[in-house]
Amino acid sequence: MPAGQAVAVVALFAALGLGAGWLWFRIWDAPPGVVSDHTWYPDPYMPGQAAEFDAVAIYVLVALAAGVLGGVVCAFLLARAEVVTVAAVAVGSALAAWLMALVGSALGPADPDVLAKTAEDGTKLSGDLVLTGVSPYVALPLGALGAVLVVFLATPGHRPAEPRLAPPPPG
């Protein structure tokens, strides 16, 4: 049943997105900083741009790995109808990318710029876990769709059947 297959693929990717968001949070190291005059300043040895890049780079690596894992599992276990699988992987992996960012950001520290407005000078605060731009969200779907297509094209069970010639008419 193609509808059940599509639901299973999307559910698998939703679970992968939640798990990948938790992993992204666990791997990432929050950049330290201090409050001065109600403004948060990142540690001078790890400027804000480097900390922001670290969060995005780790997101992309974890998302790509999760996408490849999900794509391979779907291609081998949930691929009765290939077109349905590819469409469901596209939808599910986009959902997973969003869930990953949502979970990782929710688990990470609060925005230090907001907290600094009411904090005293010298208060130490960690930077927050955020994604900038939309390009990181492409990593998970790219890994998933790439893995599905590689499996479909590289394994004999997923090749289209060659056209067969009709037998000649009797007579």
Protein backbone atom coordinates (compact mmCIF):
# COMPACT_ATOMS: atom_id res chain seq x y z
CA MET A 1 0.00 0.00 0.00
CA PRO A 2 1.74 3.21 -1.18
CA ALA A 3 0.03 5.49 1.37
CA GLY A 4 1.25 3.36 4.27
CA GLN A 5 4.73 3.30 2.78
CA ALA A 6 4.76 7.10 2.49
CA VAL A 7 3.62 7.50 6.09
CA ALA A 8 6.32 5.07 7.28
CA VAL A 9 9.03 6.98 5.39
CA VAL A 10 7.92 10.36 6.75
CA ALA A 11 7.67 8.94 10.30
CA LEU A 12 11.18 7.47 10.01
CA PHE A 13 12.57 10.81 8.94
CA ALA A 14 10.71 12.66 11.70
CA ALA A 15 12.34 10.36 14.25
CA LEU A 16 15.72 10.85 12.57
CA GLY A 17 15.27 14.63 12.72
CA LEU A 18 14.50 14.54 16.44
CA GLY A 19 17.49 12.31 17.17
CA ALA A 20 19.81 14.34 14.95
CA GLY A 21 18.74 17.56 16.70
CA TRP A 22 19.64 16.04 20.05
CA LEU A 23 22.99 14.84 18.65
CA TRP A 24 23.72 18.27 17.15
CA PHE A 25 23.15 19.83 20.58
CA ARG A 26 25.33 17.22 22.32
CA ILE A 27 28.29 17.59 19.93
CA TRP A 28 28.30 21.38 19.82
CA ASP A 29 30.27 23.38 22.39
CA ALA A 30 28.62 26.62 23.48
CA PRO A 31 30.96 29.58 23.09
CA PRO A 32 31.64 31.37 26.38
CA GLY A 33 31.09 35.06 26.84
CA VAL A 34 30.64 37.78 29.44
CA VAL A 35 28.18 40.61 30.02
CA SER A 36 29.41 44.20 30.12
CA ASP A 37 27.08 47.19 30.17
CA HIS A 38 24.08 44.93 29.41
CA THR A 39 25.74 43.61 26.26
CA TRP A 40 27.01 40.07 25.75
CA TYR A 41 30.52 39.78 24.39
CA PRO A 42 31.87 36.45 23.18
CA ASP A 43 35.20 35.20 24.43
CA PRO A 44 37.92 37.02 22.46
CA TYR A 45 39.65 33.70 21.80
CA MET A 46 36.55 32.38 20.03
CA PRO A 47 34.89 35.24 18.17
CA GLY A 48 31.16 35.10 17.54
CA GLN A 49 31.58 34.37 13.83
CA ALA A 50 33.71 31.27 14.57
CA ALA A 51 31.17 30.01 17.11
CA GLU A 52 28.33 30.60 14.64
CA PHE A 53 30.25 28.73 11.93
CA ASP A 54 30.88 25.80 14.29
CA ALA A 55 27.15 25.44 14.97
CA VAL A 56 26.31 25.48 11.26
CA ALA A 57 29.17 23.15 10.28
CA ILE A 58 28.21 20.58 12.91
CA TYR A 59 24.55 20.84 11.87
CA VAL A 60 25.47 20.17 8.23
CA LEU A 61 27.67 17.16 9.09
CA VAL A 62 25.08 15.56 11.38
CA ALA A 63 22.24 16.34 8.95
CA LEU A 64 24.12 14.86 6.00
CA ALA A 65 24.87 11.66 7.93
CA ALA A 66 21.26 11.37 9.12
CA GLY A 67 20.00 11.93 5.59
CA VAL A 68 22.25 9.25 4.13
CA LEU A 69 21.25 6.80 6.86
CA GLY A 70 17.54 7.49 6.34
CA GLY A 71 17.85 7.30 2.58
CA VAL A 72 19.65 3.94 2.64
CA VAL A 73 17.12 2.46 5.09
CA CYS A 74 14.19 3.67 2.99
CA ALA A 75 15.73 2.44 -0.26
CA PHE A 76 16.30 -1.06 1.07
CA LEU A 77 13.36 -1.55 3.44
CA LEU A 78 10.57 0.80 2.34
CA ALA A 79 10.81 0.84 -1.43
CA ARG A 80 7.92 -1.16 -2.82
CA ALA A 81 6.94 1.77 -5.02
CA GLU A 82 10.05 3.74 -5.98
CA VAL A 83 8.26 6.94 -6.99
CA VAL A 84 6.35 7.00 -3.70
CA THR A 85 9.60 6.38 -1.83
CA VAL A 86 11.41 9.26 -3.52
CA ALA A 87 8.50 11.66 -2.95
CA ALA A 88 8.12 10.61 0.70
CA VAL A 89 11.88 10.89 1.27
CA ALA A 90 11.79 14.43 -0.14
CA VAL A 91 8.95 15.44 2.19
CA GLY A 92 10.22 13.48 5.20
CA SER A 93 13.80 14.72 4.93
CA ALA A 94 12.66 18.35 4.71
CA LEU A 95 10.58 17.79 7.84
CA ALA A 96 13.57 16.12 9.51
CA ALA A 97 15.85 19.08 8.70
CA TRP A 98 13.37 21.47 10.30
CA LEU A 99 12.85 19.24 13.35
CA MET A 100 16.60 18.86 13.79
CA ALA A 101 17.08 22.64 13.90
CA LEU A 102 14.08 23.08 16.18
CA VAL A 103 15.19 20.45 18.71
CA GLY A 104 18.85 21.48 18.74
CA SER A 105 18.00 25.16 19.21
CA ALA A 106 15.44 24.37 21.92
CA LEU A 107 17.95 22.28 23.86
CA GLY A 108 20.71 24.86 23.52
CA PRO A 109 21.25 27.88 25.75
CA ALA A 110 19.00 30.91 25.55
CA ASP A 111 20.00 33.92 23.45
CA PRO A 112 22.76 35.66 25.44
CA ASP A 113 21.95 39.05 23.89
CA VAL A 114 18.46 38.89 25.43
CA LEU A 115 19.72 37.63 28.79
CA ALA A 116 22.44 40.30 28.92
CA LYS A 117 19.88 43.11 28.95
CA THR A 118 18.95 42.22 32.53
CA ALA A 119 22.25 40.70 33.70
CA GLU A 120 24.89 42.37 35.81
CA ASP A 121 28.34 43.20 34.50
CA GLY A 122 30.71 40.24 34.67
CA THR A 123 27.97 37.62 34.32
CA LYS A 124 29.21 34.70 32.25
CA LEU A 125 26.78 33.47 29.59
CA SER A 126 27.09 30.88 26.85
CA GLY A 127 26.28 31.59 23.23
CA ASP A 128 23.13 30.14 21.71
CA LEU A 129 22.73 27.33 19.20
CA VAL A 130 21.18 28.77 16.06
CA LEU A 131 21.31 28.33 12.31
CA THR A 132 21.82 31.28 10.05
CA GLY A 133 20.42 31.27 6.54
CA VAL A 134 18.50 28.54 4.79
CA SER A 135 21.32 26.68 3.05
CA PRO A 136 22.10 24.34 6.00
CA TYR A 137 18.57 22.96 5.76
CA VAL A 138 19.46 21.44 2.37
CA ALA A 139 22.05 19.01 3.81
CA LEU A 140 19.63 16.41 5.18
CA PRO A 141 17.39 16.21 2.09
CA LEU A 142 20.45 16.18 -0.17
CA GLY A 143 21.98 13.25 1.72
CA ALA A 144 18.69 11.35 1.83
CA LEU A 145 17.73 11.78 -1.81
CA GLY A 146 21.29 11.11 -2.94
CA ALA A 147 21.42 7.87 -0.95
CA VAL A 148 18.04 6.68 -2.26
CA LEU A 149 19.01 7.37 -5.85
CA VAL A 150 22.41 5.69 -5.51
CA VAL A 151 20.82 2.57 -4.02
CA PHE A 152 18.08 2.48 -6.64
CA LEU A 153 20.55 2.85 -9.50
CA ALA A 154 23.27 0.57 -8.09
CA THR A 155 21.22 -2.44 -7.02
CA PRO A 156 19.72 -4.86 -9.52
CA GLY A 157 16.36 -5.08 -7.75
CA HIS A 158 15.68 -1.41 -8.40
CA ARG A 159 16.42 -1.24 -12.11
CA PRO A 160 13.49 -0.84 -14.44
CA ALA A 161 12.61 -3.98 -16.31
CA GLU A 162 13.83 -4.04 -19.86
CA PRO A 163 11.07 -3.90 -22.43
CA ARG A 164 10.19 -7.31 -23.77
CA LEU A 165 9.34 -7.90 -27.35
CA ALA A 166 5.94 -9.34 -27.94
CA PRO A 167 6.01 -12.85 -29.38
CA PRO A 168 5.30 -12.96 -33.09
CA PRO A 169 1.66 -13.50 -34.02
CA PRO A 170 0.76 -17.07 -34.87
CA GLY A 171 0.39 -17.98 -38.38
